[in-house]
Protein backbone atom coordinates (compact mmCIF):
# COMPACT_ATOMS: atom_id res chain seq x y z
CA UNK A 1 -11.93 -25.19 17.43
CA UNK A 2 -10.99 -22.75 20.16
CA UNK A 3 -7.35 -23.80 20.09
CA UNK A 4 -7.18 -23.22 16.32
CA UNK A 5 -8.63 -19.73 16.72
CA UNK A 6 -6.06 -18.90 19.38
CA UNK A 7 -3.21 -20.16 17.18
CA UNK A 8 -4.55 -18.25 14.16
CA UNK A 9 -4.82 -15.08 16.25
CA UNK A 10 -1.25 -15.44 17.50
CA UNK A 11 0.01 -16.00 13.96
CA UNK A 12 -1.83 -12.89 12.75
CA UNK A 13 -0.33 -10.84 15.56
CA UNK A 14 3.20 -12.03 14.71
CA UNK A 15 2.70 -11.33 11.00
CA UNK A 16 1.26 -7.89 11.77
CA UNK A 17 4.21 -7.01 14.00
CA UNK A 18 6.65 -8.24 11.36
CA UNK A 19 4.98 -6.13 8.67
CA UNK A 20 4.92 -3.06 10.91
CA UNK A 21 8.35 -3.17 12.54
CA UNK A 22 10.45 -5.27 10.16
CA UNK A 23 9.15 -4.86 6.59
CA UNK A 24 12.44 -6.11 5.12
CA UNK A 25 11.53 -9.62 6.31
CA UNK A 26 8.77 -9.85 3.70
CA UNK A 27 10.42 -7.66 1.06
CA UNK A 28 10.96 -10.73 -1.17
CA UNK A 29 7.22 -11.37 -1.47
CA UNK A 30 6.02 -10.53 -4.96
CA UNK A 31 9.45 -10.07 -6.47
CA UNK A 32 10.29 -13.67 -7.24
CA UNK A 33 10.95 -14.95 -10.77
CA UNK A 34 7.62 -16.18 -12.08
CA UNK A 35 5.50 -13.44 -10.52
CA UNK A 36 3.76 -11.66 -13.35
CA UNK A 37 3.63 -7.87 -13.28
CA UNK A 38 2.17 -5.88 -16.17
CA UNK A 39 2.38 -2.11 -15.88
CA UNK A 40 0.97 0.27 -18.44
CA UNK A 41 0.33 3.99 -18.35
CA UNK A 42 -3.23 3.54 -17.09
CA UNK A 43 -3.20 0.35 -15.06
CA UNK A 44 -1.20 -2.24 -13.18
CA UNK A 45 -1.94 -5.96 -13.17
CA UNK A 46 -0.13 -8.23 -10.77
CA UNK A 47 -0.24 -12.03 -10.43
CA UNK A 48 2.04 -13.33 -7.64
CA UNK A 49 1.99 -16.94 -8.88
CA UNK A 50 5.31 -18.20 -7.49
CA UNK A 51 4.90 -16.31 -4.22
CA UNK A 52 1.49 -17.90 -3.65
CA UNK A 53 2.88 -21.36 -4.44
CA UNK A 54 5.56 -20.86 -1.78
CA UNK A 55 2.98 -19.63 0.76
CA UNK A 56 0.78 -22.63 -0.04
CA UNK A 57 3.62 -25.11 0.44
CA UNK A 58 4.68 -23.52 3.72
CA UNK A 59 1.11 -23.47 5.07
CA UNK A 60 0.59 -27.09 4.00
CA UNK A 61 3.75 -28.14 5.83
CA UNK A 62 2.74 -26.25 8.97
CA UNK A 63 -0.78 -27.68 8.98
CA UNK A 64 0.46 -31.22 8.40
CA UNK A 65 2.90 -30.73 11.29
CA UNK A 66 0.05 -29.61 13.59
CA UNK A 67 -2.12 -32.58 12.57
CA UNK A 68 0.52 -35.05 13.78
């Protein structure tokens, strides 16, 4: 359990640094075809369906790689 917490912490640090110092690396997130964005005068509704599918597939591949 301790090893997983250390790995998760390192991943969060890397993602935080990427978001802070290199935002163009994640500029694609939320702008893929299939992400639903509804904007009206009063509200905005956003469903990043395709982006979340890609994140899920990548996380599944990484976790299956760590399990082996």
